[in-house]
């Protein structure tokens, strides 16, 4: 995981969890009942986020 500020982490996780909640495919294994925020956190921990920060 890269060194993001806490504000960047919050923005990235919020945007990605919204995408997952709207039906975007996830890049980590997860159950159907898992919270989209938890899935986004797993993606961030595994460095599999499809989001680029400039």
N, C-alpha and C. Protein backbone atom coordinates (compact mmCIF):
# COMPACT_ATOMS: atom_id res chain seq x y z
N UNK A 1 0.85 -1.17 0.00
CA UNK A 1 0.00 0.00 0.00
C UNK A 1 0.89 1.23 0.00
N UNK A 2 0.53 2.18 -0.81
CA UNK A 2 1.30 3.41 -0.92
C UNK A 2 1.02 4.31 0.28
N UNK A 3 1.85 5.32 0.45
CA UNK A 3 1.68 6.26 1.56
C UNK A 3 0.72 7.37 1.15
N UNK A 4 -0.54 7.17 1.48
CA UNK A 4 -1.55 8.19 1.23
C UNK A 4 -1.84 8.92 2.54
N UNK A 5 -2.26 10.16 2.44
CA UNK A 5 -2.70 10.86 3.64
C UNK A 5 -4.05 10.27 4.05
N UNK A 6 -4.47 10.55 5.25
CA UNK A 6 -5.76 10.00 5.70
C UNK A 6 -6.91 10.57 4.88
N UNK A 7 -6.74 11.77 4.34
CA UNK A 7 -7.79 12.38 3.52
C UNK A 7 -7.87 11.68 2.15
N UNK A 8 -6.70 11.35 1.61
CA UNK A 8 -6.68 10.62 0.33
C UNK A 8 -7.30 9.24 0.51
N UNK A 9 -6.94 8.57 1.61
CA UNK A 9 -7.51 7.24 1.88
C UNK A 9 -9.03 7.30 1.98
N UNK A 10 -9.53 8.29 2.71
CA UNK A 10 -10.97 8.42 2.87
C UNK A 10 -11.65 8.68 1.53
N UNK A 11 -11.08 9.53 0.73
CA UNK A 11 -11.66 9.86 -0.59
C UNK A 11 -11.63 8.66 -1.52
N UNK A 12 -10.51 7.96 -1.54
CA UNK A 12 -10.37 6.78 -2.40
C UNK A 12 -11.33 5.68 -1.98
N UNK A 13 -11.37 5.38 -0.68
CA UNK A 13 -12.26 4.32 -0.19
C UNK A 13 -13.72 4.67 -0.41
N UNK A 14 -14.06 5.94 -0.24
CA UNK A 14 -15.44 6.37 -0.47
C UNK A 14 -15.84 6.22 -1.92
N UNK A 15 -14.96 6.66 -2.82
CA UNK A 15 -15.27 6.57 -4.26
C UNK A 15 -15.35 5.12 -4.71
N UNK A 16 -14.40 4.30 -4.26
CA UNK A 16 -14.38 2.90 -4.69
C UNK A 16 -15.55 2.12 -4.09
N UNK A 17 -15.89 2.37 -2.84
CA UNK A 17 -17.02 1.65 -2.24
C UNK A 17 -18.33 2.03 -2.93
N UNK A 18 -18.45 3.27 -3.37
CA UNK A 18 -19.64 3.68 -4.12
C UNK A 18 -19.71 2.93 -5.45
N UNK A 19 -18.56 2.78 -6.12
CA UNK A 19 -18.54 2.04 -7.38
C UNK A 19 -18.97 0.60 -7.16
N UNK A 20 -18.45 -0.03 -6.11
CA UNK A 20 -18.79 -1.42 -5.81
C UNK A 20 -20.27 -1.54 -5.47
N UNK A 21 -20.79 -0.60 -4.70
CA UNK A 21 -22.21 -0.63 -4.33
C UNK A 21 -23.12 -0.48 -5.55
N UNK A 22 -22.63 0.23 -6.57
CA UNK A 22 -23.42 0.43 -7.79
C UNK A 22 -23.25 -0.71 -8.79
N UNK A 23 -22.47 -1.74 -8.42
CA UNK A 23 -22.38 -2.93 -9.27
C UNK A 23 -21.06 -3.15 -9.97
N UNK A 24 -20.06 -2.35 -9.70
CA UNK A 24 -18.75 -2.55 -10.33
C UNK A 24 -18.12 -3.83 -9.79
N UNK A 25 -17.38 -4.55 -10.62
CA UNK A 25 -16.75 -5.79 -10.14
C UNK A 25 -15.62 -5.47 -9.16
N UNK A 26 -15.44 -6.35 -8.17
CA UNK A 26 -14.34 -6.16 -7.22
C UNK A 26 -13.16 -7.00 -7.68
N UNK A 27 -11.98 -6.61 -7.25
CA UNK A 27 -10.75 -7.28 -7.65
C UNK A 27 -10.17 -8.15 -6.56
N UNK A 28 -10.95 -8.43 -5.52
CA UNK A 28 -10.58 -9.34 -4.45
C UNK A 28 -11.75 -10.28 -4.19
N UNK A 29 -11.46 -11.41 -3.55
CA UNK A 29 -12.51 -12.35 -3.20
C UNK A 29 -13.35 -11.77 -2.06
N UNK A 30 -14.66 -11.86 -2.20
CA UNK A 30 -15.55 -11.37 -1.17
C UNK A 30 -16.88 -12.10 -1.24
N UNK A 31 -17.60 -12.08 -0.13
CA UNK A 31 -18.92 -12.70 -0.11
C UNK A 31 -19.95 -11.68 -0.58
N UNK A 32 -21.13 -12.16 -0.91
CA UNK A 32 -22.19 -11.27 -1.40
C UNK A 32 -22.70 -10.33 -0.32
N UNK A 33 -22.60 -10.76 0.93
CA UNK A 33 -23.15 -9.96 2.03
C UNK A 33 -22.12 -9.01 2.64
N UNK A 34 -20.91 -8.98 2.08
CA UNK A 34 -19.87 -8.13 2.63
C UNK A 34 -20.12 -6.66 2.27
N UNK A 35 -19.81 -5.80 3.19
CA UNK A 35 -19.99 -4.36 3.04
C UNK A 35 -19.06 -3.82 1.94
N UNK A 36 -19.53 -2.95 1.04
CA UNK A 36 -18.67 -2.39 -0.01
C UNK A 36 -17.45 -1.66 0.53
N UNK A 37 -17.56 -1.06 1.70
CA UNK A 37 -16.41 -0.37 2.29
C UNK A 37 -15.33 -1.38 2.67
N UNK A 38 -15.74 -2.52 3.21
CA UNK A 38 -14.77 -3.56 3.57
C UNK A 38 -14.08 -4.13 2.33
N UNK A 39 -14.83 -4.27 1.26
CA UNK A 39 -14.24 -4.76 0.00
C UNK A 39 -13.22 -3.76 -0.51
N UNK A 40 -13.56 -2.48 -0.48
CA UNK A 40 -12.63 -1.44 -0.92
C UNK A 40 -11.37 -1.42 -0.06
N UNK A 41 -11.52 -1.64 1.26
CA UNK A 41 -10.36 -1.69 2.14
C UNK A 41 -9.46 -2.87 1.79
N UNK A 42 -10.07 -4.03 1.49
CA UNK A 42 -9.28 -5.19 1.08
C UNK A 42 -8.52 -4.91 -0.21
N UNK A 43 -9.19 -4.25 -1.16
CA UNK A 43 -8.52 -3.90 -2.41
C UNK A 43 -7.34 -2.97 -2.15
N UNK A 44 -7.52 -2.03 -1.25
CA UNK A 44 -6.43 -1.09 -0.95
C UNK A 44 -5.27 -1.83 -0.27
N UNK A 45 -5.57 -2.72 0.66
CA UNK A 45 -4.53 -3.48 1.35
C UNK A 45 -3.76 -4.38 0.39
N UNK A 46 -4.47 -4.96 -0.58
CA UNK A 46 -3.83 -5.86 -1.55
C UNK A 46 -3.24 -5.12 -2.73
N UNK A 47 -3.33 -3.80 -2.72
CA UNK A 47 -2.82 -2.92 -3.80
C UNK A 47 -3.45 -3.29 -5.15
N UNK A 48 -4.76 -3.49 -5.14
CA UNK A 48 -5.50 -3.85 -6.35
C UNK A 48 -6.58 -2.83 -6.70
N UNK A 49 -6.41 -1.61 -6.24
CA UNK A 49 -7.39 -0.56 -6.54
C UNK A 49 -7.26 -0.10 -7.99
N UNK A 50 -8.37 0.00 -8.71
CA UNK A 50 -8.31 0.51 -10.08
C UNK A 50 -8.42 2.03 -10.12
N UNK A 51 -7.81 2.71 -9.17
CA UNK A 51 -7.89 4.15 -9.06
C UNK A 51 -6.48 4.72 -9.02
N UNK A 52 -6.24 5.78 -9.77
CA UNK A 52 -4.94 6.43 -9.81
C UNK A 52 -5.02 7.78 -9.11
N UNK A 53 -4.05 8.07 -8.27
CA UNK A 53 -3.98 9.35 -7.57
C UNK A 53 -2.81 10.13 -8.12
N UNK A 54 -3.07 11.37 -8.53
CA UNK A 54 -2.00 12.22 -9.06
C UNK A 54 -1.63 13.28 -8.06
